[in-house]
PDB file of N, CA and C in Angstrom:
ATOM      1  N   UNK A   1     -16.558 -22.255  -5.972  1.00  0.00           N
ATOM      2  CA  UNK A   1     -16.250 -21.034  -5.491  1.00  0.00           C
ATOM      3  C   UNK A   1     -15.806 -20.446  -6.682  1.00  0.00           C
ATOM      4  N   UNK A   2     -16.471 -18.940  -6.758  1.00  0.00           N
ATOM      5  CA  UNK A   2     -16.029 -18.176  -7.923  1.00  0.00           C
ATOM      6  C   UNK A   2     -14.551 -18.094  -7.761  1.00  0.00           C
ATOM      7  N   UNK A   3     -13.905 -17.549  -8.953  1.00  0.00           N
ATOM      8  CA  UNK A   3     -12.602 -17.370  -9.517  1.00  0.00           C
ATOM      9  C   UNK A   3     -12.083 -16.223  -8.425  1.00  0.00           C
ATOM     10  N   UNK A   4     -13.036 -15.306  -8.472  1.00  0.00           N
ATOM     11  CA  UNK A   4     -12.650 -13.672  -7.728  1.00  0.00           C
ATOM     12  C   UNK A   4     -12.233 -14.181  -6.021  1.00  0.00           C
ATOM     13  N   UNK A   5     -13.232 -15.063  -5.434  1.00  0.00           N
ATOM     14  CA  UNK A   5     -12.677 -15.530  -4.313  1.00  0.00           C
ATOM     15  C   UNK A   5     -11.395 -16.436  -4.069  1.00  0.00           C
ATOM     16  N   UNK A   6     -11.241 -16.786  -4.915  1.00  0.00           N
ATOM     17  CA  UNK A   6      -9.795 -18.076  -4.611  1.00  0.00           C
ATOM     18  C   UNK A   6      -8.596 -16.962  -3.976  1.00  0.00           C
ATOM     19  N   UNK A   7      -8.481 -15.930  -4.858  1.00  0.00           N
ATOM     20  CA  UNK A   7      -7.096 -15.278  -4.432  1.00  0.00           C
ATOM     21  C   UNK A   7      -7.381 -13.973  -3.614  1.00  0.00           C
ATOM     22  N   UNK A   8      -7.223 -13.588  -2.694  1.00  0.00           N
ATOM     23  CA  UNK A   8      -7.780 -12.553  -2.146  1.00  0.00           C
ATOM     24  C   UNK A   8      -6.329 -11.703  -1.759  1.00  0.00           C
ATOM     25  N   UNK A   9      -6.045 -10.344  -1.593  1.00  0.00           N
ATOM     26  CA  UNK A   9      -5.115  -9.686  -1.211  1.00  0.00           C
ATOM     27  C   UNK A   9      -5.597  -9.029   0.021  1.00  0.00           C
ATOM     28  N   UNK A  10      -4.794  -9.680   1.154  1.00  0.00           N
ATOM     29  CA  UNK A  10      -4.906  -8.729   2.768  1.00  0.00           C
ATOM     30  C   UNK A  10      -3.984  -7.830   2.651  1.00  0.00           C
ATOM     31  N   UNK A  11      -4.049  -6.212   3.089  1.00  0.00           N
ATOM     32  CA  UNK A  11      -3.514  -5.447   3.477  1.00  0.00           C
ATOM     33  C   UNK A  11      -3.253  -5.231   5.031  1.00  0.00           C
ATOM     34  N   UNK A  12      -2.001  -4.816   5.575  1.00  0.00           N
ATOM     35  CA  UNK A  12      -2.072  -4.693   6.886  1.00  0.00           C
ATOM     36  C   UNK A  12      -1.915  -3.133   7.575  1.00  0.00           C
ATOM     37  N   UNK A  13      -3.045  -2.569   7.840  1.00  0.00           N
ATOM     38  CA  UNK A  13      -3.198  -1.174   8.379  1.00  0.00           C
ATOM     39  C   UNK A  13      -2.901  -0.991   9.788  1.00  0.00           C
ATOM     40  N   UNK A  14      -2.281   0.422  10.051  1.00  0.00           N
ATOM     41  CA  UNK A  14      -2.306   1.127  11.258  1.00  0.00           C
ATOM     42  C   UNK A  14      -3.638   1.150  11.580  1.00  0.00           C
ATOM     43  N   UNK A  15      -4.655   1.463  11.204  1.00  0.00           N
ATOM     44  CA  UNK A  15      -6.235   2.222  11.865  1.00  0.00           C
ATOM     45  C   UNK A  15      -6.988   1.794  10.816  1.00  0.00           C
ATOM     46  N   UNK A  16      -7.818   0.592  11.741  1.00  0.00           N
ATOM     47  CA  UNK A  16      -8.797   0.103  10.278  1.00  0.00           C
ATOM     48  C   UNK A  16      -9.792   1.021  10.301  1.00  0.00           C
ATOM     49  N   UNK A  17     -10.369   1.942  10.911  1.00  0.00           N
ATOM     50  CA  UNK A  17     -11.427   2.568  10.509  1.00  0.00           C
ATOM     51  C   UNK A  17     -11.142   3.752   9.180  1.00  0.00           C
ATOM     52  N   UNK A  18      -9.998   4.378   9.759  1.00  0.00           N
ATOM     53  CA  UNK A  18      -9.400   5.539   8.445  1.00  0.00           C
ATOM     54  C   UNK A  18      -9.244   4.701   7.218  1.00  0.00           C
ATOM     55  N   UNK A  19      -8.720   3.139   7.355  1.00  0.00           N
ATOM     56  CA  UNK A  19      -8.187   2.551   6.188  1.00  0.00           C
ATOM     57  C   UNK A  19      -9.587   2.110   5.192  1.00  0.00           C
ATOM     58  N   UNK A  20     -10.450   1.927   6.125  1.00  0.00           N
ATOM     59  CA  UNK A  20     -12.012   1.348   5.464  1.00  0.00           C
ATOM     60  C   UNK A  20     -12.603   2.395   4.947  1.00  0.00           C
ATOM     61  N   UNK A  21     -12.606   3.578   5.435  1.00  0.00           N
ATOM     62  CA  UNK A  21     -13.180   4.919   4.846  1.00  0.00           C
ATOM     63  C   UNK A  21     -12.280   5.566   3.512  1.00  0.00           C
ATOM     64  N   UNK A  22     -10.855   4.964   3.637  1.00  0.00           N
ATOM     65  CA  UNK A  22     -10.475   5.530   2.460  1.00  0.00           C
ATOM     66  C   UNK A  22     -10.563   4.575   1.277  1.00  0.00           C
ATOM     67  N   UNK A  23     -11.150   3.407   1.531  1.00  0.00           N
ATOM     68  CA  UNK A  23     -11.328   2.520   0.236  1.00  0.00           C
ATOM     69  C   UNK A  23     -12.634   2.543   0.048  1.00  0.00           C
ATOM     70  N   UNK A  24     -13.543   2.792   1.044  1.00  0.00           N
ATOM     71  CA  UNK A  24     -15.040   3.278   0.589  1.00  0.00           C
ATOM     72  C   UNK A  24     -14.875   4.339  -0.102  1.00  0.00           C
ATOM     73  N   UNK A  25     -14.215   5.562  -0.254  1.00  0.00           N
ATOM     74  CA  UNK A  25     -14.026   6.693  -1.226  1.00  0.00           C
ATOM     75  C   UNK A  25     -13.721   6.216  -2.904  1.00  0.00           C
ATOM     76  N   UNK A  26     -12.644   4.775  -2.860  1.00  0.00           N
ATOM     77  CA  UNK A  26     -12.551   4.387  -3.875  1.00  0.00           C
ATOM     78  C   UNK A  26     -13.446   3.356  -4.642  1.00  0.00           C
ATOM     79  N   UNK A  27     -14.530   3.285  -3.842  1.00  0.00           N
ATOM     80  CA  UNK A  27     -15.968   2.673  -4.375  1.00  0.00           C
ATOM     81  C   UNK A  27     -15.913   1.055  -3.944  1.00  0.00           C
ATOM     82  N   UNK A  28     -15.137   1.058  -2.481  1.00  0.00           N
ATOM     83  CA  UNK A  28     -15.552  -0.297  -2.168  1.00  0.00           C
ATOM     84  C   UNK A  28     -16.612  -0.255  -0.980  1.00  0.00           C
ATOM     85  N   UNK A  29     -17.150  -1.289  -0.867  1.00  0.00           N
ATOM     86  CA  UNK A  29     -18.537  -1.637   0.047  1.00  0.00           C
ATOM     87  C   UNK A  29     -17.654  -2.482   1.013  1.00  0.00           C
ATOM     88  N   UNK A  30     -18.597  -2.367   2.172  1.00  0.00           N
ATOM     89  CA  UNK A  30     -18.004  -2.957   3.651  1.00  0.00           C
ATOM     90  C   UNK A  30     -18.591  -3.971   3.340  1.00  0.00           C
ATOM     91  N   UNK A  31     -18.509  -5.499   3.519  1.00  0.00           N
ATOM     92  CA  UNK A  31     -19.135  -6.812   3.454  1.00  0.00           C
ATOM     93  C   UNK A  31     -19.273  -6.863   4.836  1.00  0.00           C
ATOM     94  N   UNK A  32     -17.826  -7.073   5.578  1.00  0.00           N
ATOM     95  CA  UNK A  32     -17.731  -7.420   7.237  1.00  0.00           C
ATOM     96  C   UNK A  32     -16.781  -6.629   7.771  1.00  0.00           C
ATOM     97  N   UNK A  33     -17.089  -6.318   9.206  1.00  0.00           N
ATOM     98  CA  UNK A  33     -16.167  -5.359  10.045  1.00  0.00           C
ATOM     99  C   UNK A  33     -16.356  -5.935  11.234  1.00  0.00           C
ATOM    100  N   UNK A  34     -14.969  -6.629  11.958  1.00  0.00           N
ATOM    101  CA  UNK A  34     -15.030  -7.116  13.144  1.00  0.00           C
ATOM    102  C   UNK A  34     -13.742  -6.678  13.444  1.00  0.00           C
ATOM    103  N   UNK A  35     -13.984  -5.215  14.441  1.00  0.00           N
ATOM    104  CA  UNK A  35     -12.937  -4.649  15.483  1.00  0.00           C
ATOM    105  C   UNK A  35     -11.934  -4.449  14.552  1.00  0.00           C
ATOM    106  N   UNK A  36     -10.776  -5.387  14.717  1.00  0.00           N
ATOM    107  CA  UNK A  36      -9.416  -4.887  13.507  1.00  0.00           C
ATOM    108  C   UNK A  36      -9.574  -5.242  12.214  1.00  0.00           C
ATOM    109  N   UNK A  37     -10.466  -6.068  11.879  1.00  0.00           N
ATOM    110  CA  UNK A  37     -10.802  -6.915  10.724  1.00  0.00           C
ATOM    111  C   UNK A  37     -11.361  -6.498  10.213  1.00  0.00           C
ATOM    112  N   UNK A  38     -11.393  -5.896   8.344  1.00  0.00           N
ATOM    113  CA  UNK A  38     -12.458  -6.029   7.416  1.00  0.00           C
ATOM    114  C   UNK A  38     -12.575  -6.523   6.287  1.00  0.00           C
ATOM    115  N   UNK A  39     -13.507  -6.972   5.573  1.00  0.00           N
ATOM    116  CA  UNK A  39     -13.557  -7.716   4.260  1.00  0.00           C
ATOM    117  C   UNK A  39     -14.249  -6.829   3.474  1.00  0.00           C
ATOM    118  N   UNK A  40     -13.610  -6.001   2.287  1.00  0.00           N
ATOM    119  CA  UNK A  40     -14.285  -5.407   1.577  1.00  0.00           C
ATOM    120  C   UNK A  40     -14.976  -6.160   0.344  1.00  0.00           C
ATOM    121  N   UNK A  41     -15.392  -5.533  -0.683  1.00  0.00           N
ATOM    122  CA  UNK A  41     -15.938  -5.931  -1.954  1.00  0.00           C
ATOM    123  C   UNK A  41     -16.002  -4.815  -2.866  1.00  0.00           C
ATOM    124  N   UNK A  42     -15.459  -5.091  -4.028  1.00  0.00           N
ATOM    125  CA  UNK A  42     -15.777  -4.203  -5.218  1.00  0.00           C
ATOM    126  C   UNK A  42     -15.942  -5.199  -6.401  1.00  0.00           C
ATOM    127  N   UNK A  43     -17.435  -5.058  -6.479  1.00  0.00           N
ATOM    128  CA  UNK A  43     -17.950  -5.904  -7.481  1.00  0.00           C
ATOM    129  C   UNK A  43     -18.094  -7.476  -6.772  1.00  0.00           C
ATOM    130  N   UNK A  44     -17.501  -8.387  -7.861  1.00  0.00           N
ATOM    131  CA  UNK A  44     -17.639  -9.959  -7.161  1.00  0.00           C
ATOM    132  C   UNK A  44     -16.077  -9.720  -6.276  1.00  0.00           C
ATOM    133  N   UNK A  45     -15.185  -8.767  -6.423  1.00  0.00           N
ATOM    134  CA  UNK A  45     -13.954  -9.033  -5.382  1.00  0.00           C
ATOM    135  C   UNK A  45     -13.517  -8.483  -4.361  1.00  0.00           C
ATOM    136  N   UNK A  46     -13.155  -9.427  -3.455  1.00  0.00           N
ATOM    137  CA  UNK A  46     -12.925  -8.867  -2.131  1.00  0.00           C
ATOM    138  C   UNK A  46     -11.295  -8.463  -1.802  1.00  0.00           C
ATOM    139  N   UNK A  47     -11.540  -7.875  -0.415  1.00  0.00           N
ATOM    140  CA  UNK A  47     -10.496  -7.072   0.075  1.00  0.00           C
ATOM    141  C   UNK A  47     -10.404  -7.091   1.280  1.00  0.00           C
ATOM    142  N   UNK A  48      -9.028  -7.974   1.937  1.00  0.00           N
ATOM    143  CA  UNK A  48      -9.275  -8.242   3.657  1.00  0.00           C
ATOM    144  C   UNK A  48      -7.957  -6.765   4.199  1.00  0.00           C
ATOM    145  N   UNK A  49      -8.775  -6.165   4.864  1.00  0.00           N
ATOM    146  CA  UNK A  49      -7.862  -5.093   5.564  1.00  0.00           C
ATOM    147  C   UNK A  49      -7.190  -5.815   7.317  1.00  0.00           C
ATOM    148  N   UNK A  50      -6.386  -5.792   7.862  1.00  0.00           N
ATOM    149  CA  UNK A  50      -6.199  -6.018   9.301  1.00  0.00           C
ATOM    150  C   UNK A  50      -5.088  -5.071   9.770  1.00  0.00           C
ATOM    151  N   UNK A  51      -5.575  -4.635  10.833  1.00  0.00           N
ATOM    152  CA  UNK A  51      -4.978  -3.456  11.795  1.00  0.00           C
ATOM    153  C   UNK A  51      -3.776  -4.612  12.725  1.00  0.00           C
ATOM    154  N   UNK A  52      -2.908  -3.768  12.435  1.00  0.00           N
ATOM    155  CA  UNK A  52      -2.154  -4.798  13.096  1.00  0.00           C
ATOM    156  C   UNK A  52      -0.999  -3.293  14.241  1.00  0.00           C
ATOM    157  N   UNK A  53      -0.620  -3.526  15.368  1.00  0.00           N
ATOM    158  CA  UNK A  53       0.124  -2.419  16.416  1.00  0.00           C
ATOM    159  C   UNK A  53       1.641  -2.819  15.956  1.00  0.00           C
ATOM    160  N   UNK A  54       1.911  -3.885  14.941  1.00  0.00           N
ATOM    161  CA  UNK A  54       3.810  -3.960  15.178  1.00  0.00           C
ATOM    162  C   UNK A  54       4.335  -3.794  13.772  1.00  0.00           C
ATOM    163  N   UNK A  55       3.373  -2.887  13.246  1.00  0.00           N
ATOM    164  CA  UNK A  55       3.862  -2.551  11.571  1.00  0.00           C
ATOM    165  C   UNK A  55       4.913  -1.179  12.080  1.00  0.00           C
ATOM    166  N   UNK A  56       6.104  -1.496  10.889  1.00  0.00           N
ATOM    167  CA  UNK A  56       7.292  -0.390  10.872  1.00  0.00           C
ATOM    168  C   UNK A  56       6.574   1.122  10.195  1.00  0.00           C
ATOM    169  N   UNK A  57       7.701   1.943  10.414  1.00  0.00           N
ATOM    170  CA  UNK A  57       7.390   3.277  10.393  1.00  0.00           C
ATOM    171  C   UNK A  57       6.663   3.043   8.611  1.00  0.00           C
ATOM    172  N   UNK A  58       5.467   3.891   8.170  1.00  0.00           N
ATOM    173  CA  UNK A  58       5.408   4.187   6.806  1.00  0.00           C
ATOM    174  C   UNK A  58       6.577   4.583   5.929  1.00  0.00           C
ATOM    175  N   UNK A  59       6.987   4.014   4.670  1.00  0.00           N
ATOM    176  CA  UNK A  59       7.506   4.406   3.649  1.00  0.00           C
ATOM    177  C   UNK A  59       7.820   6.066   3.110  1.00  0.00           C
ATOM    178  N   UNK A  60       8.591   6.487   3.159  1.00  0.00           N
ATOM    179  CA  UNK A  60       8.392   7.656   2.429  1.00  0.00           C
ATOM    180  C   UNK A  60       7.966   8.067   1.292  1.00  0.00           C
ATOM    181  N   UNK A  61       8.188   6.714   0.240  1.00  0.00           N
ATOM    182  CA  UNK A  61       7.831   7.137  -0.934  1.00  0.00           C
ATOM    183  C   UNK A  61       6.449   5.721  -1.109  1.00  0.00           C
ATOM    184  N   UNK A  62       5.583   6.188  -1.804  1.00  0.00           N
ATOM    185  CA  UNK A  62       4.245   5.207  -1.777  1.00  0.00           C
ATOM    186  C   UNK A  62       4.968   3.687  -2.446  1.00  0.00           C
ATOM    187  N   UNK A  63       4.427   2.356  -1.950  1.00  0.00           N
ATOM    188  CA  UNK A  63       5.018   1.220  -2.404  1.00  0.00           C
ATOM    189  C   UNK A  63       4.047   0.453  -3.513  1.00  0.00           C
ATOM    190  N   UNK A  64       3.136   1.613  -3.810  1.00  0.00           N
ATOM    191  CA  UNK A  64       2.236   0.394  -4.807  1.00  0.00           C
ATOM    192  C   UNK A  64       0.996   1.536  -5.242  1.00  0.00           C
ATOM    193  N   UNK A  65       0.810   1.150  -6.409  1.00  0.00           N
ATOM    194  CA  UNK A  65      -0.170   2.356  -7.125  1.00  0.00           C
ATOM    195  C   UNK A  65      -1.989   1.236  -7.415  1.00  0.00           C
ATOM    196  N   UNK A  66      -2.420   1.953  -7.277  1.00  0.00           N
ATOM    197  CA  UNK A  66      -3.934   1.501  -7.869  1.00  0.00           C
ATOM    198  C   UNK A  66      -4.304   2.110  -8.907  1.00  0.00           C
ATOM    199  N   UNK A  67      -5.137   1.094 -10.214  1.00  0.00           N
ATOM    200  CA  UNK A  67      -5.927   1.688 -11.461  1.00  0.00           C
ATOM    201  C   UNK A  67      -6.836   1.156 -11.319  1.00  0.00           C
ATOM    202  N   UNK A  68      -7.881   2.087 -12.116  1.00  0.00           N
ATOM    203  CA  UNK A  68      -8.955   1.510 -12.291  1.00  0.00           C
ATOM    204  C   UNK A  68      -9.247   1.339 -13.622  1.00  0.00           C
ATOM    205  N   UNK A  69     -10.756   0.588 -14.442  1.00  0.00           N
ATOM    206  CA  UNK A  69     -11.056   0.754 -15.762  1.00  0.00           C
ATOM    207  C   UNK A  69     -11.909   1.073 -16.087  1.00  0.00           C
ATOM    208  N   UNK A  70     -12.167   1.944 -17.008  1.00  0.00           N
ATOM    209  CA  UNK A  70     -13.510   2.434 -17.291  1.00  0.00           C
ATOM    210  C   UNK A  70     -14.101   1.483 -17.965  1.00  0.00           C
ATOM    211  N   UNK A  71     -15.603   1.774 -18.680  1.00  0.00           N
ATOM    212  CA  UNK A  71     -16.482   0.669 -19.373  1.00  0.00           C
ATOM    213  C   UNK A  71     -15.602   0.317 -20.467  1.00  0.00           C
ATOM    214  N   UNK A  72     -14.936   1.768 -21.191  1.00  0.00           N
ATOM    215  CA  UNK A  72     -14.382   1.316 -22.390  1.00  0.00           C
ATOM    216  C   UNK A  72     -13.087   0.812 -22.654  1.00  0.00           C
ATOM    217  N   UNK A  73     -12.600   0.255 -21.322  1.00  0.00           N
ATOM    218  CA  UNK A  73     -11.447  -0.603 -21.373  1.00  0.00           C
ATOM    219  C   UNK A  73     -10.215   0.596 -20.925  1.00  0.00           C
ATOM    220  N   UNK A  74     -10.252   1.521 -20.809  1.00  0.00           N
ATOM    221  CA  UNK A  74      -9.104   2.973 -20.359  1.00  0.00           C
ATOM    222  C   UNK A  74      -8.842   2.749 -19.329  1.00  0.00           C
ATOM    223  N   UNK A  75      -7.347   2.487 -19.030  1.00  0.00           N
ATOM    224  CA  UNK A  75      -6.871   2.612 -17.395  1.00  0.00           C
ATOM    225  C   UNK A  75      -6.977   3.412 -16.960  1.00  0.00           C
ATOM    226  N   UNK A  76      -7.453   4.223 -16.000  1.00  0.00           N
ATOM    227  CA  UNK A  76      -7.012   5.589 -15.318  1.00  0.00           C
ATOM    228  C   UNK A  76      -6.603   5.284 -13.842  1.00  0.00           C
ATOM    229  N   UNK A  77      -5.551   6.165 -13.629  1.00  0.00           N
ATOM    230  CA  UNK A  77      -4.850   5.954 -12.436  1.00  0.00           C
ATOM    231  C   UNK A  77      -5.571   6.931 -11.220  1.00  0.00           C
ATOM    232  N   UNK A  78      -5.929   6.447 -10.056  1.00  0.00           N
ATOM    233  CA  UNK A  78      -6.522   6.875  -9.083  1.00  0.00           C
ATOM    234  C   UNK A  78      -5.651   7.577  -8.346  1.00  0.00           C
ATOM    235  N   UNK A  79      -5.211   8.976  -8.268  1.00  0.00           N
ATOM    236  CA  UNK A  79      -4.521  10.031  -7.644  1.00  0.00           C
ATOM    237  C   UNK A  79      -4.854  10.280  -6.399  1.00  0.00           C
ATOM    238  N   UNK A  80      -3.983  10.741  -5.523  1.00  0.00           N
ATOM    239  CA  UNK A  80      -4.047  10.868  -4.146  1.00  0.00           C
ATOM    240  C   UNK A  80      -4.731  12.504  -4.028  1.00  0.00           C
ATOM    241  N   UNK A  81      -4.662  12.874  -5.199  1.00  0.00           N
ATOM    242  CA  UNK A  81      -4.680  14.651  -4.965  1.00  0.00           C
ATOM    243  C   UNK A  81      -6.766  14.620  -5.294  1.00  0.00           C
ATOM    244  N   UNK A  82      -7.095  13.233  -6.123  1.00  0.00           N
ATOM    245  CA  UNK A  82      -8.402  12.892  -6.435  1.00  0.00           C
ATOM    246  C   UNK A  82      -9.268  12.692  -4.995  1.00  0.00           C
ATOM    247  N   UNK A  83      -8.671  11.909  -4.476  1.00  0.00           N
ATOM    248  CA  UNK A  83      -9.233  11.571  -3.046  1.00  0.00           C
ATOM    249  C   UNK A  83      -9.048  12.466  -1.759  1.00  0.00           C
ATOM    250  N   UNK A  84      -8.155  13.053  -1.718  1.00  0.00           N
ATOM    251  CA  UNK A  84      -7.888  14.498  -0.839  1.00  0.00           C
ATOM    252  C   UNK A  84      -7.666  13.615   0.237  1.00  0.00           C
ATOM    253  N   UNK A  85      -6.388  12.594   0.150  1.00  0.00           N
ATOM    254  CA  UNK A  85      -5.506  11.938   1.153  1.00  0.00           C
ATOM    255  C   UNK A  85      -4.160  12.296   1.392  1.00  0.00           C
ATOM    256  N   UNK A  86      -3.542  12.104   2.438  1.00  0.00           N
ATOM    257  CA  UNK A  86      -2.353  12.058   2.585  1.00  0.00           C
ATOM    258  C   UNK A  86      -1.791  10.984   2.793  1.00  0.00           C
TER     259      UNK A  86
END
């Protein structure tokens, strides 16, 4: 088994379809989608999305950042304005 598949992040989401579209805009591809669960890929890396109905209200401030790295090794922060999401 490849090391990129040995540790996978799973994110709980409120709306699986909106979440899949959000990550597709970031460059992820859909590997599998089954109702309330989706597996996305970016190169050989996987990301699990799991829709949950029992999540607490969204936080006022972001709880994480996402960074991408270009071919020159320079880190670029993906900003909300660039994605045009709220």
